[in-house]
Each structure stands twice: as C-alpha cells, then as structure tokens.
Amino acid sequence: MNRAEAVRQQLLRIEATLRQHQQWQGTSPDAAAFTSDKPFCLDTLAPYEWLQWIFIPRMHALLDSNSPLPQAFAIAPYYEVALHPGHPAREIMLELLQELDAWFTEEKE
C-alpha cells in the first residue's frame, strides 16, 4: 500500500471511530467557527470538530486531487493535551492519530 492509500485508510478509520463513539456531528458549526487564526481552531472548535470539519476534509481533498501531502506534521500531541482522560474514545483516537502522524514523521513509502 502506498502512502496516499495508507493515509486515506487511516482517515477513514478515524472517521469511523468518531462515528462509533457518537463524536461525529450531523450539522456543521457556525461559519464564524472556521475563521479562527489559532492552531486547530482551538478557540472556536472542539478537538473532534476540528478533525471532522477541517482536517479530514482537507486531507481527502489533497488525496482526491493528487496534490502533494504535507511533508511533516504531528497532531497527536495536541490531542494528548486537549482530550482529558475519560474523554470518549480518547485512547483509541490517540492511537489512530499517532499512526497517522507516523506517515508524516517517518520515511514510509
């Protein structure tokens, strides 16, 4: 499996986990929530909202258009801090995000 396929599969796993744990929303936040200039829109969106409404769609758009994927990033460290112990799906989400991050921090092709 190449990097793009692996990333897409991981995004689908993240979405499925959010849905399974009732963290996937049926309606989007107000438009103002998307105008934040803070990383992860931390002042306007909950952590799972950022994944659903910004990160996952943008990554799918890059994959769909065969655009270059980011060279290096890590989002799991933010979620380690943002999701308190006991938060729904915290541990499984951290695991999934760490696996995703590995595709952008290690030489995997």
C-alpha atoms as a PDB file:
ATOM      1  CA  MET A   1       0.000   0.000   0.000  1.00  0.00           C
ATOM      2  CA  ASN A   2       1.425   3.375  -0.928  1.00  0.00           C
ATOM      3  CA  ARG A   3       1.466   6.408   1.358  1.00  0.00           C
ATOM      4  CA  ALA A   4      -1.643   8.058  -0.115  1.00  0.00           C
ATOM      5  CA  GLU A   5      -3.689   4.859   0.215  1.00  0.00           C
ATOM      6  CA  ALA A   6      -2.474   4.323   3.766  1.00  0.00           C
ATOM      7  CA  VAL A   7      -3.295   7.893   4.754  1.00  0.00           C
ATOM      8  CA  ARG A   8      -6.781   7.628   3.248  1.00  0.00           C
ATOM      9  CA  GLN A   9      -7.413   4.356   5.099  1.00  0.00           C
ATOM     10  CA  GLN A  10      -6.274   5.930   8.351  1.00  0.00           C
ATOM     11  CA  LEU A  11      -8.577   8.922   7.798  1.00  0.00           C
ATOM     12  CA  LEU A  12     -11.469   6.524   7.260  1.00  0.00           C
ATOM     13  CA  ARG A  13     -10.592   4.688  10.488  1.00  0.00           C
ATOM     14  CA  ILE A  14     -10.552   7.969  12.384  1.00  0.00           C
ATOM     15  CA  GLU A  15     -13.946   8.933  10.968  1.00  0.00           C
ATOM     16  CA  ALA A  16     -15.420   5.515  11.751  1.00  0.00           C
ATOM     17  CA  THR A  17     -14.158   5.738  15.325  1.00  0.00           C
ATOM     18  CA  LEU A  18     -15.643   9.202  15.774  1.00  0.00           C
ATOM     19  CA  ARG A  19     -18.965   7.908  14.468  1.00  0.00           C
ATOM     20  CA  GLN A  20     -18.826   4.781  16.636  1.00  0.00           C
ATOM     21  CA  HIS A  21     -18.309   6.909  19.743  1.00  0.00           C
ATOM     22  CA  GLN A  22     -21.011   9.439  18.827  1.00  0.00           C
ATOM     23  CA  GLN A  23     -18.464  12.205  18.281  1.00  0.00           C
ATOM     24  CA  TRP A  24     -19.410  12.818  14.609  1.00  0.00           C
ATOM     25  CA  GLN A  25     -21.813  15.718  14.164  1.00  0.00           C
ATOM     26  CA  GLY A  26     -24.726  15.924  11.759  1.00  0.00           C
ATOM     27  CA  THR A  27     -24.559  19.682  11.298  1.00  0.00           C
ATOM     28  CA  SER A  28     -21.544  21.904  10.920  1.00  0.00           C
ATOM     29  CA  PRO A  29     -20.651  24.639  13.380  1.00  0.00           C
ATOM     30  CA  ASP A  30     -21.479  28.256  12.546  1.00  0.00           C
ATOM     31  CA  ALA A  31     -19.365  29.790   9.775  1.00  0.00           C
ATOM     32  CA  ALA A  32     -17.620  32.016  12.308  1.00  0.00           C
ATOM     33  CA  ALA A  33     -16.039  28.934  13.897  1.00  0.00           C
ATOM     34  CA  PHE A  34     -13.986  28.426  10.750  1.00  0.00           C
ATOM     35  CA  THR A  35     -12.444  31.892  10.771  1.00  0.00           C
ATOM     36  CA  SER A  36     -10.160  31.243  13.729  1.00  0.00           C
ATOM     37  CA  ASP A  37      -6.489  32.037  13.303  1.00  0.00           C
ATOM     38  CA  LYS A  38      -5.477  29.718  16.158  1.00  0.00           C
ATOM     39  CA  PRO A  39      -3.936  26.287  15.549  1.00  0.00           C
ATOM     40  CA  PHE A  40      -6.623  23.602  15.494  1.00  0.00           C
ATOM     41  CA  CYS A  41      -9.211  26.428  15.780  1.00  0.00           C
ATOM     42  CA  LEU A  42      -8.849  25.767  19.482  1.00  0.00           C
ATOM     43  CA  ASP A  43     -10.768  28.925  20.337  1.00  0.00           C
ATOM     44  CA  THR A  44     -13.797  28.065  18.179  1.00  0.00           C
ATOM     45  CA  LEU A  45     -13.954  24.288  17.665  1.00  0.00           C
ATOM     46  CA  ALA A  46     -13.780  21.292  19.960  1.00  0.00           C
ATOM     47  CA  PRO A  47     -10.925  18.906  19.137  1.00  0.00           C
ATOM     48  CA  TYR A  48     -13.150  16.366  17.408  1.00  0.00           C
ATOM     49  CA  GLU A  49     -14.908  19.122  15.462  1.00  0.00           C
ATOM     50  CA  TRP A  50     -11.574  20.247  14.005  1.00  0.00           C
ATOM     51  CA  LEU A  51     -10.896  16.710  12.839  1.00  0.00           C
ATOM     52  CA  GLN A  52     -14.340  16.345  11.271  1.00  0.00           C
ATOM     53  CA  TRP A  53     -14.814  19.751   9.700  1.00  0.00           C
ATOM     54  CA  ILE A  54     -11.285  20.838   8.792  1.00  0.00           C
ATOM     55  CA  PHE A  55      -8.578  18.199   8.903  1.00  0.00           C
ATOM     56  CA  ILE A  56     -10.311  15.155   7.410  1.00  0.00           C
ATOM     57  CA  PRO A  57     -11.956  17.068   4.510  1.00  0.00           C
ATOM     58  CA  ARG A  58      -8.724  18.904   3.655  1.00  0.00           C
ATOM     59  CA  MET A  59      -6.717  15.708   3.651  1.00  0.00           C
ATOM     60  CA  HIS A  60      -9.300  13.983   1.444  1.00  0.00           C
ATOM     61  CA  ALA A  61      -9.223  16.982  -0.915  1.00  0.00           C
ATOM     62  CA  LEU A  62      -5.447  16.705  -1.221  1.00  0.00           C
ATOM     63  CA  LEU A  63      -5.699  12.975  -1.865  1.00  0.00           C
ATOM     64  CA  ASP A  64      -8.566  13.361  -4.369  1.00  0.00           C
ATOM     65  CA  SER A  65      -6.641  15.950  -6.375  1.00  0.00           C
ATOM     66  CA  ASN A  66      -3.356  14.018  -6.209  1.00  0.00           C
ATOM     67  CA  SER A  67      -1.805  17.084  -4.592  1.00  0.00           C
ATOM     68  CA  PRO A  68       1.346  16.718  -2.549  1.00  0.00           C
ATOM     69  CA  LEU A  69       0.719  15.704   1.036  1.00  0.00           C
ATOM     70  CA  PRO A  70       2.324  17.680   3.857  1.00  0.00           C
ATOM     71  CA  GLN A  71       5.927  16.760   4.469  1.00  0.00           C
ATOM     72  CA  ALA A  72       5.898  16.670   8.240  1.00  0.00           C
ATOM     73  CA  PHE A  73       3.361  17.233  10.970  1.00  0.00           C
ATOM     74  CA  ALA A  74       2.109  15.706  14.170  1.00  0.00           C
ATOM     75  CA  ILE A  75      -1.372  16.227  15.538  1.00  0.00           C
ATOM     76  CA  ALA A  76      -1.449  13.509  18.204  1.00  0.00           C
ATOM     77  CA  PRO A  77       0.470  15.636  20.748  1.00  0.00           C
ATOM     78  CA  TYR A  78      -2.285  18.268  20.652  1.00  0.00           C
ATOM     79  CA  TYR A  79      -4.919  15.612  21.282  1.00  0.00           C
ATOM     80  CA  GLU A  80      -2.937  14.172  24.191  1.00  0.00           C
ATOM     81  CA  VAL A  81      -3.355  17.540  25.887  1.00  0.00           C
ATOM     82  CA  ALA A  82      -6.772  18.562  24.531  1.00  0.00           C
ATOM     83  CA  LEU A  83      -8.633  15.360  25.411  1.00  0.00           C
ATOM     84  CA  HIS A  84      -8.862  14.807  29.131  1.00  0.00           C
ATOM     85  CA  PRO A  85      -8.582  11.253  30.450  1.00  0.00           C
ATOM     86  CA  GLY A  86     -12.013   9.720  30.289  1.00  0.00           C
ATOM     87  CA  HIS A  87     -12.965  11.702  27.181  1.00  0.00           C
ATOM     88  CA  PRO A  88     -14.981   9.469  24.811  1.00  0.00           C
ATOM     89  CA  ALA A  89     -12.657   7.444  22.579  1.00  0.00           C
ATOM     90  CA  ARG A  90      -9.544   9.229  23.872  1.00  0.00           C
ATOM     91  CA  GLU A  91      -7.217   6.242  23.909  1.00  0.00           C
ATOM     92  CA  ILE A  92      -8.254   4.784  20.559  1.00  0.00           C
ATOM     93  CA  MET A  93      -8.154   8.224  18.942  1.00  0.00           C
ATOM     94  CA  LEU A  94      -4.654   8.871  20.267  1.00  0.00           C
ATOM     95  CA  GLU A  95      -3.545   5.555  18.844  1.00  0.00           C
ATOM     96  CA  LEU A  96      -5.104   6.289  15.443  1.00  0.00           C
ATOM     97  CA  LEU A  97      -3.649   9.804  15.322  1.00  0.00           C
ATOM     98  CA  GLN A  98      -0.196   8.558  16.291  1.00  0.00           C
ATOM     99  CA  GLU A  99      -0.392   6.011  13.465  1.00  0.00           C
ATOM    100  CA  LEU A 100      -1.406   8.783  11.062  1.00  0.00           C
ATOM    101  CA  ASP A 101       1.392  11.037  12.291  1.00  0.00           C
ATOM    102  CA  ALA A 102       3.885   8.259  11.624  1.00  0.00           C
ATOM    103  CA  TRP A 103       3.165   8.588   7.880  1.00  0.00           C
ATOM    104  CA  PHE A 104       4.366  12.190   8.078  1.00  0.00           C
ATOM    105  CA  THR A 105       7.251  11.887  10.520  1.00  0.00           C
ATOM    106  CA  GLU A 106       8.905   8.693   9.299  1.00  0.00           C
ATOM    107  CA  GLU A 107      10.178   7.607   5.923  1.00  0.00           C
ATOM    108  CA  LYS A 108       7.292   5.378   4.866  1.00  0.00           C
ATOM    109  CA  GLU A 109       6.717   4.901   1.184  1.00  0.00           C
END
